[in-house]
C-alpha atoms as a PDB file:
ATOM      1  CA  UNK A   1      -0.061   0.040  -0.201  1.00  0.00           C
ATOM      2  CA  UNK A   2       2.765   2.500   0.712  1.00  0.00           C
ATOM      3  CA  UNK A   3       4.538   1.936  -2.449  1.00  0.00           C
ATOM      4  CA  UNK A   4       1.244   2.694  -4.273  1.00  0.00           C
ATOM      5  CA  UNK A   5       1.194   6.087  -2.263  1.00  0.00           C
ATOM      6  CA  UNK A   6       4.735   6.914  -3.249  1.00  0.00           C
ATOM      7  CA  UNK A   7       3.908   6.264  -6.967  1.00  0.00           C
ATOM      8  CA  UNK A   8       0.884   8.441  -6.753  1.00  0.00           C
ATOM      9  CA  UNK A   9       3.160  11.210  -4.951  1.00  0.00           C
ATOM     10  CA  UNK A  10       5.526  11.186  -8.029  1.00  0.00           C
ATOM     11  CA  UNK A  11       2.577  11.239 -10.511  1.00  0.00           C
ATOM     12  CA  UNK A  12       1.111  14.077  -8.855  1.00  0.00           C
ATOM     13  CA  UNK A  13       4.377  16.056  -8.650  1.00  0.00           C
ATOM     14  CA  UNK A  14       5.345  15.213 -12.308  1.00  0.00           C
ATOM     15  CA  UNK A  15       1.782  16.536 -13.441  1.00  0.00           C
ATOM     16  CA  UNK A  16       2.200  19.760 -11.217  1.00  0.00           C
ATOM     17  CA  UNK A  17       5.667  20.462 -12.743  1.00  0.00           C
ATOM     18  CA  UNK A  18       4.129  19.975 -16.274  1.00  0.00           C
ATOM     19  CA  UNK A  19       1.782  22.544 -15.545  1.00  0.00           C
ATOM     20  CA  UNK A  20       4.189  25.028 -14.087  1.00  0.00           C
ATOM     21  CA  UNK A  21       6.302  24.408 -17.481  1.00  0.00           C
ATOM     22  CA  UNK A  22       3.102  24.991 -19.446  1.00  0.00           C
ATOM     23  CA  UNK A  23       2.809  28.146 -21.614  1.00  0.00           C
ATOM     24  CA  UNK A  24       0.376  30.447 -19.389  1.00  0.00           C
ATOM     25  CA  UNK A  25       2.829  30.196 -16.489  1.00  0.00           C
ATOM     26  CA  UNK A  26       6.077  30.645 -18.860  1.00  0.00           C
ATOM     27  CA  UNK A  27       4.141  33.742 -20.048  1.00  0.00           C
ATOM     28  CA  UNK A  28       3.505  35.144 -16.773  1.00  0.00           C
ATOM     29  CA  UNK A  29       7.402  34.931 -15.794  1.00  0.00           C
ATOM     30  CA  UNK A  30       8.155  36.424 -19.282  1.00  0.00           C
ATOM     31  CA  UNK A  31       8.714  39.886 -18.184  1.00  0.00           C
ATOM     32  CA  UNK A  32      11.368  42.563 -18.214  1.00  0.00           C
ATOM     33  CA  UNK A  33      12.154  42.262 -14.353  1.00  0.00           C
ATOM     34  CA  UNK A  34      15.380  41.234 -13.013  1.00  0.00           C
ATOM     35  CA  UNK A  35      15.682  39.203  -9.809  1.00  0.00           C
ATOM     36  CA  UNK A  36      19.082  39.140  -8.203  1.00  0.00           C
ATOM     37  CA  UNK A  37      20.451  40.240 -11.517  1.00  0.00           C
ATOM     38  CA  UNK A  38      18.816  37.561 -13.460  1.00  0.00           C
ATOM     39  CA  UNK A  39      16.019  37.807 -15.607  1.00  0.00           C
ATOM     40  CA  UNK A  40      12.616  36.772 -14.376  1.00  0.00           C
ATOM     41  CA  UNK A  41      12.030  34.249 -17.070  1.00  0.00           C
ATOM     42  CA  UNK A  42      15.525  32.376 -16.464  1.00  0.00           C
ATOM     43  CA  UNK A  43      15.074  32.618 -12.706  1.00  0.00           C
ATOM     44  CA  UNK A  44      11.476  31.045 -12.958  1.00  0.00           C
ATOM     45  CA  UNK A  45      12.783  28.486 -15.107  1.00  0.00           C
ATOM     46  CA  UNK A  46      15.715  27.125 -13.008  1.00  0.00           C
ATOM     47  CA  UNK A  47      13.863  27.655  -9.616  1.00  0.00           C
ATOM     48  CA  UNK A  48      11.164  25.422 -10.670  1.00  0.00           C
ATOM     49  CA  UNK A  49      13.482  23.080 -12.226  1.00  0.00           C
ATOM     50  CA  UNK A  50      15.588  22.859  -9.042  1.00  0.00           C
ATOM     51  CA  UNK A  51      12.418  22.635  -6.904  1.00  0.00           C
ATOM     52  CA  UNK A  52      11.171  19.461  -9.031  1.00  0.00           C
ATOM     53  CA  UNK A  53      14.515  17.812  -8.602  1.00  0.00           C
ATOM     54  CA  UNK A  54      14.351  18.455  -4.757  1.00  0.00           C
ATOM     55  CA  UNK A  55      10.899  17.389  -4.231  1.00  0.00           C
ATOM     56  CA  UNK A  56      11.360  14.180  -6.470  1.00  0.00           C
ATOM     57  CA  UNK A  57      14.790  13.431  -4.486  1.00  0.00           C
ATOM     58  CA  UNK A  58      12.794  13.739  -1.133  1.00  0.00           C
ATOM     59  CA  UNK A  59      10.024  11.308  -2.136  1.00  0.00           C
ATOM     60  CA  UNK A  60      12.447   8.661  -3.615  1.00  0.00           C
ATOM     61  CA  UNK A  61      15.051   9.209  -0.703  1.00  0.00           C
ATOM     62  CA  UNK A  62      12.285   8.664   1.853  1.00  0.00           C
ATOM     63  CA  UNK A  63      10.975   5.523  -0.096  1.00  0.00           C
ATOM     64  CA  UNK A  64      14.732   4.188   0.013  1.00  0.00           C
ATOM     65  CA  UNK A  65      15.010   4.875   3.779  1.00  0.00           C
ATOM     66  CA  UNK A  66      12.127   2.895   4.828  1.00  0.00           C
ATOM     67  CA  UNK A  67      12.939   0.009   2.502  1.00  0.00           C
ATOM     68  CA  UNK A  68      16.339  -0.166   4.261  1.00  0.00           C
ATOM     69  CA  UNK A  69      14.367   0.096   7.775  1.00  0.00           C
ATOM     70  CA  UNK A  70      12.349  -2.935   6.843  1.00  0.00           C
ATOM     71  CA  UNK A  71      15.225  -5.131   5.557  1.00  0.00           C
ATOM     72  CA  UNK A  72      17.231  -4.291   8.770  1.00  0.00           C
ATOM     73  CA  UNK A  73      14.249  -5.658  10.826  1.00  0.00           C
END
């Protein structure tokens, strides 16, 4: 049951980030504004990309930790 929940979380996260990389969100970030000297569009792309990697890592890493705990018992 837990494995199924992890798969569902990963599926939800992938759908969420596909939406964040869709045209309407990219168009909102495509402005002549700078964040820390970086254009907003590039800042948005790399921030969302980094966020996707971190959240996926957390979900996958938690799965590995629980599998290791069960095998040690």
